[in-house]
């Protein structure tokens, strides 16, 4: 969905004095965020497996943040 990404972009850009955002820019950010989320999920799954679990826990996701 584009709406949440557009809301974030509008909120941030207003503080920077930018009035308009192209739909293509919103789509591009959404696509990039999706790829980042996939990488985070993949690493979190590796951490869960390493811990002997089949369930990803919040701490697995938090550990991934340290990798960035």
N, C-alpha and C. Protein backbone atom coordinates (compact mmCIF):
# COMPACT_ATOMS: atom_id res chain seq x y z
N UNK A 1 0.82 -1.21 0.00
CA UNK A 1 0.00 0.00 0.00
C UNK A 1 0.86 1.27 0.00
N UNK A 2 0.43 2.23 -0.74
CA UNK A 2 1.19 3.47 -0.85
C UNK A 2 0.86 4.48 0.24
N UNK A 3 -0.35 4.45 0.77
CA UNK A 3 -0.80 5.49 1.70
C UNK A 3 0.12 5.67 2.91
N UNK A 4 0.52 4.59 3.61
CA UNK A 4 1.39 4.80 4.77
C UNK A 4 2.74 5.41 4.40
N UNK A 5 3.27 5.00 3.26
CA UNK A 5 4.56 5.53 2.82
C UNK A 5 4.41 7.01 2.45
N UNK A 6 3.31 7.33 1.78
CA UNK A 6 3.08 8.72 1.40
C UNK A 6 2.91 9.60 2.64
N UNK A 7 2.21 9.09 3.66
CA UNK A 7 2.04 9.85 4.90
C UNK A 7 3.40 10.16 5.54
N UNK A 8 4.26 9.17 5.58
CA UNK A 8 5.59 9.38 6.15
C UNK A 8 6.35 10.43 5.34
N UNK A 9 6.32 10.29 4.02
CA UNK A 9 7.03 11.23 3.17
C UNK A 9 6.49 12.65 3.34
N UNK A 10 5.18 12.79 3.43
CA UNK A 10 4.58 14.13 3.58
C UNK A 10 4.97 14.74 4.93
N UNK A 11 4.91 13.94 5.98
CA UNK A 11 5.25 14.44 7.31
C UNK A 11 6.70 14.92 7.36
N UNK A 12 7.59 14.14 6.81
CA UNK A 12 9.01 14.49 6.82
C UNK A 12 9.30 15.66 5.88
N UNK A 13 8.73 15.64 4.70
CA UNK A 13 9.04 16.67 3.72
C UNK A 13 8.49 18.03 4.11
N UNK A 14 7.36 18.08 4.81
CA UNK A 14 6.80 19.35 5.26
C UNK A 14 7.78 20.09 6.16
N UNK A 15 8.46 19.35 7.01
CA UNK A 15 9.45 19.95 7.90
C UNK A 15 10.66 20.47 7.15
N UNK A 16 10.84 20.01 5.92
CA UNK A 16 11.98 20.44 5.10
C UNK A 16 11.58 21.49 4.08
N UNK A 17 10.30 21.90 4.10
CA UNK A 17 9.84 22.92 3.17
C UNK A 17 9.51 22.41 1.78
N UNK A 18 9.34 21.12 1.63
CA UNK A 18 8.98 20.53 0.34
C UNK A 18 7.47 20.33 0.32
N UNK A 19 6.82 20.87 -0.73
CA UNK A 19 5.37 20.85 -0.79
C UNK A 19 4.78 19.68 -1.56
N UNK A 20 5.52 19.15 -2.51
CA UNK A 20 4.95 18.13 -3.39
C UNK A 20 5.84 16.90 -3.45
N UNK A 21 5.17 15.75 -3.63
CA UNK A 21 5.88 14.48 -3.76
C UNK A 21 5.26 13.75 -4.95
N UNK A 22 6.06 13.32 -5.88
CA UNK A 22 5.52 12.61 -7.03
C UNK A 22 5.12 11.19 -6.62
N UNK A 23 4.13 10.66 -7.31
CA UNK A 23 3.70 9.29 -7.02
C UNK A 23 4.85 8.31 -7.28
N UNK A 24 5.65 8.61 -8.30
CA UNK A 24 6.79 7.74 -8.61
C UNK A 24 7.77 7.69 -7.45
N UNK A 25 7.95 8.80 -6.75
CA UNK A 25 8.85 8.83 -5.59
C UNK A 25 8.29 7.98 -4.46
N UNK A 26 6.98 8.03 -4.26
CA UNK A 26 6.34 7.22 -3.22
C UNK A 26 6.49 5.74 -3.55
N UNK A 27 6.27 5.39 -4.81
CA UNK A 27 6.41 3.99 -5.24
C UNK A 27 7.85 3.52 -5.06
N UNK A 28 8.80 4.37 -5.43
CA UNK A 28 10.22 4.00 -5.29
C UNK A 28 10.59 3.75 -3.83
N UNK A 29 10.14 4.64 -2.94
CA UNK A 29 10.44 4.45 -1.52
C UNK A 29 9.78 3.18 -1.00
N UNK A 30 8.53 2.94 -1.40
CA UNK A 30 7.84 1.72 -0.96
C UNK A 30 8.62 0.48 -1.39
N UNK A 31 9.07 0.46 -2.64
CA UNK A 31 9.82 -0.70 -3.15
C UNK A 31 11.12 -0.90 -2.39
N UNK A 32 11.81 0.19 -2.10
CA UNK A 32 13.07 0.09 -1.36
C UNK A 32 12.84 -0.38 0.07
N UNK A 33 11.78 0.15 0.70
CA UNK A 33 11.46 -0.27 2.07
C UNK A 33 11.09 -1.75 2.11
N UNK A 34 10.41 -2.22 1.07
CA UNK A 34 10.04 -3.64 1.01
C UNK A 34 11.29 -4.51 0.93
N UNK A 35 12.25 -4.10 0.13
CA UNK A 35 13.50 -4.88 0.03
C UNK A 35 14.26 -4.87 1.36
N UNK A 36 14.28 -3.73 2.03
CA UNK A 36 14.94 -3.65 3.34
C UNK A 36 14.22 -4.55 4.33
N UNK A 37 12.88 -4.53 4.33
CA UNK A 37 12.10 -5.37 5.25
C UNK A 37 12.37 -6.85 4.99
N UNK A 38 12.50 -7.23 3.73
CA UNK A 38 12.81 -8.63 3.40
C UNK A 38 14.17 -9.03 3.97
N UNK A 39 15.14 -8.15 3.86
CA UNK A 39 16.47 -8.45 4.40
C UNK A 39 16.42 -8.58 5.92
N UNK A 40 15.67 -7.70 6.57
CA UNK A 40 15.54 -7.77 8.03
C UNK A 40 14.86 -9.07 8.44
N UNK A 41 13.78 -9.42 7.74
CA UNK A 41 13.05 -10.65 8.07
C UNK A 41 13.94 -11.88 7.88
N UNK A 42 14.72 -11.88 6.81
CA UNK A 42 15.62 -13.01 6.54
C UNK A 42 16.65 -13.16 7.66
N UNK A 43 17.27 -12.04 8.07
CA UNK A 43 18.26 -12.09 9.15
C UNK A 43 17.61 -12.50 10.46
N UNK A 44 16.41 -11.99 10.73
CA UNK A 44 15.71 -12.35 11.97
C UNK A 44 15.41 -13.84 11.99
N UNK A 45 15.06 -14.41 10.84
CA UNK A 45 14.80 -15.85 10.77
C UNK A 45 16.07 -16.64 11.05
N UNK A 46 17.19 -16.15 10.56
CA UNK A 46 18.48 -16.81 10.83
C UNK A 46 18.78 -16.78 12.32
N UNK A 47 18.54 -15.63 12.97
CA UNK A 47 18.78 -15.52 14.41
C UNK A 47 17.87 -16.46 15.19
N UNK A 48 16.61 -16.55 14.80
CA UNK A 48 15.67 -17.44 15.48
C UNK A 48 16.12 -18.89 15.33
N UNK A 49 16.52 -19.27 14.12
CA UNK A 49 16.98 -20.63 13.88
C UNK A 49 18.23 -20.92 14.70
N UNK A 50 19.15 -19.96 14.75
CA UNK A 50 20.37 -20.13 15.54
C UNK A 50 20.05 -20.34 17.02
N UNK A 51 18.97 -19.71 17.49
CA UNK A 51 18.56 -19.85 18.89
C UNK A 51 17.74 -21.13 19.11
N UNK A 52 17.57 -21.93 18.06
CA UNK A 52 16.84 -23.18 18.19
C UNK A 52 15.32 -23.00 18.19
N UNK A 53 14.85 -21.89 17.64
CA UNK A 53 13.42 -21.62 17.60
C UNK A 53 12.90 -21.65 16.17
N UNK A 54 11.60 -21.89 16.04
CA UNK A 54 10.94 -21.81 14.75
C UNK A 54 10.06 -20.57 14.66
N UNK A 55 10.15 -19.73 15.68
CA UNK A 55 9.36 -18.51 15.75
C UNK A 55 10.30 -17.32 15.85
N UNK A 56 10.07 -16.32 15.01
CA UNK A 56 10.84 -15.07 15.09
C UNK A 56 10.24 -14.23 16.21
N UNK A 57 11.09 -13.80 17.13
CA UNK A 57 10.66 -12.96 18.25
C UNK A 57 11.13 -11.53 18.02
N UNK A 58 10.53 -10.58 18.74
CA UNK A 58 10.95 -9.18 18.59
C UNK A 58 12.45 -8.97 18.79
N UNK A 59 13.03 -9.72 19.71
CA UNK A 59 14.47 -9.53 19.95
C UNK A 59 15.31 -9.92 18.73
N UNK A 60 14.81 -10.86 17.92
CA UNK A 60 15.52 -11.22 16.69
C UNK A 60 15.56 -10.03 15.73
N UNK A 61 14.43 -9.36 15.62
CA UNK A 61 14.35 -8.18 14.75
C UNK A 61 15.24 -7.07 15.30
N UNK A 62 15.25 -6.90 16.62
CA UNK A 62 16.08 -5.87 17.23
C UNK A 62 17.57 -6.16 17.01
N UNK A 63 17.94 -7.43 17.03
CA UNK A 63 19.34 -7.79 16.77
C UNK A 63 19.76 -7.41 15.36
N UNK A 64 18.83 -7.53 14.41
CA UNK A 64 19.15 -7.17 13.03
C UNK A 64 19.49 -5.69 12.94
N UNK A 65 18.82 -4.87 13.71
CA UNK A 65 19.09 -3.43 13.70
C UNK A 65 20.56 -3.14 13.98
N UNK A 66 21.17 -3.95 14.79
CA UNK A 66 22.58 -3.76 15.12
C UNK A 66 23.49 -4.02 13.92
N UNK A 67 22.99 -4.79 12.94
CA UNK A 67 23.77 -5.10 11.74
C UNK A 67 23.80 -3.93 10.76
N UNK A 68 22.86 -3.01 10.86
CA UNK A 68 22.77 -1.91 9.89
C UNK A 68 23.69 -0.78 10.26
